[in-house]
Amino acid sequence: LNHFHIIDISRDQHALVKEILKLHNMGHGNRQH
């Protein structure tokens, strides 16, 4: 699993959203309007 990004879905929704947003921005740049 060290070869992959891992998301812990047992975290509260706010932390999960933050983690996914970080992954998304890391891979696709800053999405500011």
All heavy atoms as atom14 arrays in JSON, in Angstrom:
{
  "sequence": "LNHFHIIDISRDQHALVKEILKLHNMGHGNRQH",
  "atom14_mask": [
    [1, 1, 1, 1, 1, 1, 1, 1, 0, 0, 0, 0, 0, 0],
    [1, 1, 1, 1, 1, 1, 1, 1, 0, 0, 0, 0, 0, 0],
    [1, 1, 1, 1, 1, 1, 1, 1, 1, 1, 0, 0, 0, 0],
    [1, 1, 1, 1, 1, 1, 1, 1, 1, 1, 1, 0, 0, 0],
    [1, 1, 1, 1, 1, 1, 1, 1, 1, 1, 0, 0, 0, 0],
    [1, 1, 1, 1, 1, 1, 1, 1, 0, 0, 0, 0, 0, 0],
    [1, 1, 1, 1, 1, 1, 1, 1, 0, 0, 0, 0, 0, 0],
    [1, 1, 1, 1, 1, 1, 1, 1, 0, 0, 0, 0, 0, 0],
    [1, 1, 1, 1, 1, 1, 1, 1, 0, 0, 0, 0, 0, 0],
    [1, 1, 1, 1, 1, 1, 0, 0, 0, 0, 0, 0, 0, 0],
    [1, 1, 1, 1, 1, 1, 1, 1, 1, 1, 1, 0, 0, 0],
    [1, 1, 1, 1, 1, 1, 1, 1, 0, 0, 0, 0, 0, 0],
    [1, 1, 1, 1, 1, 1, 1, 1, 1, 0, 0, 0, 0, 0],
    [1, 1, 1, 1, 1, 1, 1, 1, 1, 1, 0, 0, 0, 0],
    [1, 1, 1, 1, 1, 0, 0, 0, 0, 0, 0, 0, 0, 0],
    [1, 1, 1, 1, 1, 1, 1, 1, 0, 0, 0, 0, 0, 0],
    [1, 1, 1, 1, 1, 1, 1, 0, 0, 0, 0, 0, 0, 0],
    [1, 1, 1, 1, 1, 1, 1, 1, 1, 0, 0, 0, 0, 0],
    [1, 1, 1, 1, 1, 1, 1, 1, 1, 0, 0, 0, 0, 0],
    [1, 1, 1, 1, 1, 1, 1, 1, 0, 0, 0, 0, 0, 0],
    [1, 1, 1, 1, 1, 1, 1, 1, 0, 0, 0, 0, 0, 0],
    [1, 1, 1, 1, 1, 1, 1, 1, 1, 0, 0, 0, 0, 0],
    [1, 1, 1, 1, 1, 1, 1, 1, 0, 0, 0, 0, 0, 0],
    [1, 1, 1, 1, 1, 1, 1, 1, 1, 1, 0, 0, 0, 0],
    [1, 1, 1, 1, 1, 1, 1, 1, 0, 0, 0, 0, 0, 0],
    [1, 1, 1, 1, 1, 1, 1, 1, 0, 0, 0, 0, 0, 0],
    [1, 1, 1, 1, 0, 0, 0, 0, 0, 0, 0, 0, 0, 0],
    [1, 1, 1, 1, 1, 1, 1, 1, 1, 1, 0, 0, 0, 0],
    [1, 1, 1, 1, 0, 0, 0, 0, 0, 0, 0, 0, 0, 0],
    [1, 1, 1, 1, 1, 1, 1, 1, 0, 0, 0, 0, 0, 0],
    [1, 1, 1, 1, 1, 1, 1, 1, 1, 1, 1, 0, 0, 0],
    [1, 1, 1, 1, 1, 1, 1, 1, 1, 0, 0, 0, 0, 0],
    [1, 1, 1, 1, 1, 1, 1, 1, 1, 1, 0, 0, 0, 0]
  ],
  "atom14_positions": [
    [[0.8, -1.21, 0.0], [0.0, 0.0, 0.0], [0.85, 1.27, 0.0], [0.34, 2.36, -0.29], [-0.97, 0.0, 1.19], [-2.05, -1.08, 1.17], [-2.98, -0.91, 2.36], [-2.84, -1.05, -0.12], [0.0, 0.0, 0.0], [0.0, 0.0, 0.0], [0.0, 0.0, 0.0], [0.0, 0.0, 0.0], [0.0, 0.0, 0.0], [0.0, 0.0, 0.0]],
    [[2.14, 1.15, 0.3], [3.03, 2.3, 0.28], [3.15, 2.91, -1.12], [3.6, 4.04, -1.27], [4.42, 1.94, 0.8], [4.4, 1.61, 2.27], [3.49, 2.01, 3.0], [5.4, 0.88, 2.73], [0.0, 0.0, 0.0], [0.0, 0.0, 0.0], [0.0, 0.0, 0.0], [0.0, 0.0, 0.0], [0.0, 0.0, 0.0], [0.0, 0.0, 0.0]],
    [[2.76, 2.17, -2.14], [2.84, 2.65, -3.52], [1.68, 3.55, -3.9], [1.68, 4.14, -4.98], [2.88, 1.46, -4.5], [4.05, 0.55, -4.3], [5.31, 0.89, -4.74], [4.15, -0.65, -3.71], [6.14, -0.09, -4.43], [5.46, -1.04, -3.81], [0.0, 0.0, 0.0], [0.0, 0.0, 0.0], [0.0, 0.0, 0.0], [0.0, 0.0, 0.0]],
    [[0.67, 3.66, -3.04], [-0.58, 4.33, -3.39], [-0.91, 5.46, -2.42], [-0.46, 5.45, -1.28], [-1.74, 3.33, -3.39], [-1.52, 2.12, -4.24], [-1.13, 0.92, -3.68], [-1.69, 2.2, -5.63], [-0.93, -0.2, -4.47], [-1.49, 1.09, -6.42], [-1.1, -0.11, -5.84], [0.0, 0.0, 0.0], [0.0, 0.0, 0.0], [0.0, 0.0, 0.0]],
    [[-1.74, 6.38, -2.9], [-2.38, 7.33, -1.99], [-3.42, 6.55, -1.21], [-4.11, 5.7, -1.75], [-3.07, 8.45, -2.77], [-2.15, 9.36, -3.48], [-1.3, 10.23, -2.83], [-1.92, 9.55, -4.8], [-0.61, 10.9, -3.71], [-0.95, 10.5, -4.92], [0.0, 0.0, 0.0], [0.0, 0.0, 0.0], [0.0, 0.0, 0.0], [0.0, 0.0, 0.0]],
    [[-3.53, 6.86, 0.08], [-4.51, 6.17, 0.93], [-5.41, 7.21, 1.59], [-4.94, 8.22, 2.1], [-3.81, 5.32, 2.01], [-2.93, 4.25, 1.36], [-4.82, 4.69, 2.95], [-2.07, 3.48, 2.32], [0.0, 0.0, 0.0], [0.0, 0.0, 0.0], [0.0, 0.0, 0.0], [0.0, 0.0, 0.0], [0.0, 0.0, 0.0], [0.0, 0.0, 0.0]],
    [[-6.72, 6.95, 1.56], [-7.68, 7.82, 2.24], [-8.36, 7.01, 3.33], [-8.91, 5.94, 3.08], [-8.74, 8.36, 1.25], [-8.09, 9.33, 0.27], [-9.87, 9.04, 2.0], [-9.06, 9.92, -0.73], [0.0, 0.0, 0.0], [0.0, 0.0, 0.0], [0.0, 0.0, 0.0], [0.0, 0.0, 0.0], [0.0, 0.0, 0.0], [0.0, 0.0, 0.0]],
    [[-8.28, 7.53, 4.55], [-8.93, 6.89, 5.7], [-10.36, 7.39, 5.79], [-10.61, 8.52, 6.21], [-8.14, 7.23, 6.97], [-8.76, 6.64, 8.22], [-9.8, 5.95, 8.12], [-8.2, 6.86, 9.31], [0.0, 0.0, 0.0], [0.0, 0.0, 0.0], [0.0, 0.0, 0.0], [0.0, 0.0, 0.0], [0.0, 0.0, 0.0], [0.0, 0.0, 0.0]],
    [[-11.31, 6.57, 5.38], [-12.71, 7.0, 5.35], [-13.4, 6.87, 6.72], [-14.58, 7.2, 6.84], [-13.52, 6.24, 4.28], [-13.43, 4.75, 4.5], [-13.07, 6.62, 2.89], [-14.4, 3.98, 3.66], [0.0, 0.0, 0.0], [0.0, 0.0, 0.0], [0.0, 0.0, 0.0], [0.0, 0.0, 0.0], [0.0, 0.0, 0.0], [0.0, 0.0, 0.0]],
    [[-12.66, 6.42, 7.73], [-13.25, 6.35, 9.07], [-13.2, 7.72, 9.77], [-13.8, 7.9, 10.82], [-12.53, 5.31, 9.92], [-11.19, 5.71, 10.17], [0.0, 0.0, 0.0], [0.0, 0.0, 0.0], [0.0, 0.0, 0.0], [0.0, 0.0, 0.0], [0.0, 0.0, 0.0], [0.0, 0.0, 0.0], [0.0, 0.0, 0.0], [0.0, 0.0, 0.0]],
    [[-12.5, 8.67, 9.17], [-12.4, 10.0, 9.76], [-13.74, 10.73, 9.62], [-14.58, 10.36, 8.82], [-11.3, 10.79, 9.04], [-9.96, 10.07, 9.09], [-8.96, 10.72, 8.21], [-8.48, 11.93, 8.84], [-7.64, 12.78, 8.27], [-7.23, 12.57, 7.05], [-7.23, 13.85, 8.91], [0.0, 0.0, 0.0], [0.0, 0.0, 0.0], [0.0, 0.0, 0.0]],
    [[-13.91, 11.8, 10.4], [-15.15, 12.56, 10.29], [-15.23, 13.21, 8.9], [-14.22, 13.35, 8.21], [-15.28, 13.6, 11.4], [-14.23, 14.7, 11.29], [-14.39, 15.58, 10.43], [-13.25, 14.67, 12.06], [0.0, 0.0, 0.0], [0.0, 0.0, 0.0], [0.0, 0.0, 0.0], [0.0, 0.0, 0.0], [0.0, 0.0, 0.0], [0.0, 0.0, 0.0]],
    [[-16.44, 13.58, 8.49], [-16.66, 14.04, 7.13], [-15.83, 15.27, 6.79], [-15.3, 15.38, 5.69], [-18.14, 14.33, 6.89], [-18.44, 14.59, 5.42], [-19.92, 14.7, 5.14], [-20.76, 14.58, 6.02], [-20.26, 14.94, 3.89], [0.0, 0.0, 0.0], [0.0, 0.0, 0.0], [0.0, 0.0, 0.0], [0.0, 0.0, 0.0], [0.0, 0.0, 0.0]],
    [[-15.67, 16.18, 7.73], [-14.88, 17.39, 7.48], [-13.42, 17.03, 7.14], [-12.85, 17.55, 6.18], [-14.93, 18.32, 8.69], [-14.2, 19.6, 8.51], [-14.74, 20.66, 7.82], [-12.97, 20.0, 8.91], [-13.88, 21.66, 7.8], [-12.8, 21.28, 8.47], [0.0, 0.0, 0.0], [0.0, 0.0, 0.0], [0.0, 0.0, 0.0], [0.0, 0.0, 0.0]],
    [[-12.84, 16.12, 7.93], [-11.45, 15.7, 7.7], [-11.33, 14.94, 6.38], [-10.34, 15.1, 5.64], [-10.97, 14.82, 8.85], [0.0, 0.0, 0.0], [0.0, 0.0, 0.0], [0.0, 0.0, 0.0], [0.0, 0.0, 0.0], [0.0, 0.0, 0.0], [0.0, 0.0, 0.0], [0.0, 0.0, 0.0], [0.0, 0.0, 0.0], [0.0, 0.0, 0.0]],
    [[-12.34, 14.14, 6.05], [-12.33, 13.38, 4.81], [-12.41, 14.32, 3.6], [-11.67, 14.16, 2.62], [-13.49, 12.38, 4.79], [-13.61, 11.46, 3.59], [-12.34, 10.65, 3.38], [-14.81, 10.55, 3.73], [0.0, 0.0, 0.0], [0.0, 0.0, 0.0], [0.0, 0.0, 0.0], [0.0, 0.0, 0.0], [0.0, 0.0, 0.0], [0.0, 0.0, 0.0]],
    [[-13.29, 15.3, 3.67], [-13.41, 16.28, 2.59], [-12.07, 17.01, 2.4], [-11.59, 17.19, 1.28], [-14.54, 17.29, 2.89], [-14.47, 18.51, 1.99], [-15.9, 16.61, 2.74], [0.0, 0.0, 0.0], [0.0, 0.0, 0.0], [0.0, 0.0, 0.0], [0.0, 0.0, 0.0], [0.0, 0.0, 0.0], [0.0, 0.0, 0.0], [0.0, 0.0, 0.0]],
    [[-11.46, 17.41, 3.5], [-10.18, 18.12, 3.45], [-9.11, 17.26, 2.78], [-8.35, 17.73, 1.93], [-9.76, 18.51, 4.86], [-8.48, 19.32, 4.93], [-8.19, 19.75, 6.35], [-6.9, 20.54, 6.43], [-6.62, 21.0, 7.79], [0.0, 0.0, 0.0], [0.0, 0.0, 0.0], [0.0, 0.0, 0.0], [0.0, 0.0, 0.0], [0.0, 0.0, 0.0]],
    [[-9.07, 15.98, 3.15], [-8.08, 15.06, 2.58], [-8.28, 14.88, 1.08], [-7.32, 14.9, 0.3], [-8.17, 13.71, 3.3], [-7.01, 12.8, 3.02], [-7.03, 11.55, 3.9], [-7.77, 11.53, 4.91], [-6.3, 10.61, 3.58], [0.0, 0.0, 0.0], [0.0, 0.0, 0.0], [0.0, 0.0, 0.0], [0.0, 0.0, 0.0], [0.0, 0.0, 0.0]],
    [[-9.52, 14.72, 0.65], [-9.8, 14.54, -0.78], [-9.49, 15.82, -1.55], [-8.92, 15.78, -2.64], [-11.26, 14.08, -1.01], [-11.45, 12.68, -0.44], [-11.6, 14.09, -2.5], [-12.88, 12.2, -0.44], [0.0, 0.0, 0.0], [0.0, 0.0, 0.0], [0.0, 0.0, 0.0], [0.0, 0.0, 0.0], [0.0, 0.0, 0.0], [0.0, 0.0, 0.0]],
    [[-9.83, 16.98, -0.98], [-9.52, 18.25, -1.63], [-8.01, 18.42, -1.79], [-7.53, 18.89, -2.82], [-10.09, 19.41, -0.83], [-11.59, 19.67, -0.99], [-12.09, 20.66, 0.05], [-11.91, 20.17, -2.39], [0.0, 0.0, 0.0], [0.0, 0.0, 0.0], [0.0, 0.0, 0.0], [0.0, 0.0, 0.0], [0.0, 0.0, 0.0], [0.0, 0.0, 0.0]],
    [[-7.24, 18.03, -0.78], [-5.78, 18.12, -0.88], [-5.25, 17.23, -2.0], [-4.41, 17.64, -2.79], [-5.12, 17.72, 0.45], [-5.09, 18.81, 1.47], [-4.32, 18.38, 2.7], [-4.24, 19.49, 3.71], [-3.53, 19.1, 4.92], [0.0, 0.0, 0.0], [0.0, 0.0, 0.0], [0.0, 0.0, 0.0], [0.0, 0.0, 0.0], [0.0, 0.0, 0.0]],
    [[-5.76, 16.01, -2.06], [-5.35, 15.1, -3.13], [-5.71, 15.66, -4.5], [-4.91, 15.62, -5.43], [-6.05, 13.74, -2.96], [-5.34, 12.64, -2.21], [-6.21, 11.4, -2.15], [-4.01, 12.33, -2.84], [0.0, 0.0, 0.0], [0.0, 0.0, 0.0], [0.0, 0.0, 0.0], [0.0, 0.0, 0.0], [0.0, 0.0, 0.0], [0.0, 0.0, 0.0]],
    [[-6.92, 16.19, -4.61], [-7.39, 16.74, -5.88], [-6.53, 17.93, -6.32], [-6.1, 18.02, -7.46], [-8.85, 17.14, -5.76], [-9.44, 17.67, -7.03], [-9.52, 16.93, -8.18], [-9.94, 18.89, -7.33], [-10.07, 17.64, -9.14], [-10.34, 18.85, -8.65], [0.0, 0.0, 0.0], [0.0, 0.0, 0.0], [0.0, 0.0, 0.0], [0.0, 0.0, 0.0]],
    [[-6.25, 18.83, -5.38], [-5.44, 20.0, -5.72], [-3.99, 19.63, -6.0], [-3.36, 20.22, -6.86], [-5.51, 21.04, -4.59], [-6.77, 21.86, -4.65], [-7.62, 21.66, -5.52], [-6.93, 22.78, -3.74], [0.0, 0.0, 0.0], [0.0, 0.0, 0.0], [0.0, 0.0, 0.0], [0.0, 0.0, 0.0], [0.0, 0.0, 0.0], [0.0, 0.0, 0.0]],
    [[-3.48, 18.63, -5.28], [-2.1, 18.18, -5.52], [-1.96, 17.64, -6.93], [-0.98, 17.89, -7.62], [-1.74, 17.1, -4.49], [-0.3, 16.61, -4.6], [0.09, 15.44, -3.28], [-0.98, 14.08, -3.67], [0.0, 0.0, 0.0], [0.0, 0.0, 0.0], [0.0, 0.0, 0.0], [0.0, 0.0, 0.0], [0.0, 0.0, 0.0], [0.0, 0.0, 0.0]],
    [[-2.98, 16.92, -7.4], [-2.9, 16.32, -8.72], [-3.34, 17.23, -9.84], [-2.95, 17.05, -10.99], [0.0, 0.0, 0.0], [0.0, 0.0, 0.0], [0.0, 0.0, 0.0], [0.0, 0.0, 0.0], [0.0, 0.0, 0.0], [0.0, 0.0, 0.0], [0.0, 0.0, 0.0], [0.0, 0.0, 0.0], [0.0, 0.0, 0.0], [0.0, 0.0, 0.0]],
    [[-4.16, 18.25, -9.52], [-4.76, 19.04, -10.59], [-4.59, 20.54, -10.4], [-5.26, 21.32, -11.07], [-6.25, 18.69, -10.72], [-6.44, 17.24, -11.02], [-6.24, 16.72, -12.27], [-6.78, 16.2, -10.22], [-6.47, 15.42, -12.24], [-6.79, 15.08, -11.01], [0.0, 0.0, 0.0], [0.0, 0.0, 0.0], [0.0, 0.0, 0.0], [0.0, 0.0, 0.0]],
    [[-3.74, 20.95, -9.48], [-3.47, 22.39, -9.34], [-4.52, 23.1, -8.52], [-5.51, 22.55, -8.11], [0.0, 0.0, 0.0], [0.0, 0.0, 0.0], [0.0, 0.0, 0.0], [0.0, 0.0, 0.0], [0.0, 0.0, 0.0], [0.0, 0.0, 0.0], [0.0, 0.0, 0.0], [0.0, 0.0, 0.0], [0.0, 0.0, 0.0], [0.0, 0.0, 0.0]],
    [[-4.26, 24.37, -8.29], [-5.15, 25.2, -7.49], [-6.41, 25.5, -8.26], [-6.37, 26.03, -9.35], [-4.41, 26.5, -7.13], [-5.16, 27.31, -6.1], [-6.35, 27.11, -5.88], [-4.46, 28.22, -5.47], [0.0, 0.0, 0.0], [0.0, 0.0, 0.0], [0.0, 0.0, 0.0], [0.0, 0.0, 0.0], [0.0, 0.0, 0.0], [0.0, 0.0, 0.0]],
    [[-7.56, 25.18, -7.68], [-8.84, 25.34, -8.37], [-9.57, 26.61, -7.93], [-10.78, 26.66, -7.94], [-9.74, 24.13, -8.09], [-9.18, 22.84, -8.62], [-9.12, 22.89, -10.13], [-8.75, 21.58, -10.65], [-8.49, 21.35, -11.91], [-8.53, 22.32, -12.78], [-8.18, 20.14, -12.32], [0.0, 0.0, 0.0], [0.0, 0.0, 0.0], [0.0, 0.0, 0.0]],
    [[-8.85, 27.63, -7.51], [-9.52, 28.83, -7.07], [-10.29, 29.46, -8.21], [-9.88, 29.4, -9.36], [-8.52, 29.83, -6.51], [-7.93, 29.35, -5.2], [-7.13, 30.42, -4.52], [-6.89, 31.47, -5.07], [-6.72, 30.15, -3.31], [0.0, 0.0, 0.0], [0.0, 0.0, 0.0], [0.0, 0.0, 0.0], [0.0, 0.0, 0.0], [0.0, 0.0, 0.0]],
    [[-11.39, 30.06, -7.87], [-12.25, 30.67, -8.89], [-11.53, 31.88, -9.48], [-11.13, 32.79, -8.76], [-13.57, 31.09, -8.24], [-14.63, 31.42, -9.23], [-14.62, 32.59, -9.93], [-15.71, 30.72, -9.65], [-15.66, 32.63, -10.74], [-16.33, 31.5, -10.58], [0.0, 0.0, 0.0], [0.0, 0.0, 0.0], [0.0, 0.0, 0.0], [0.0, 0.0, 0.0]]
  ]
}
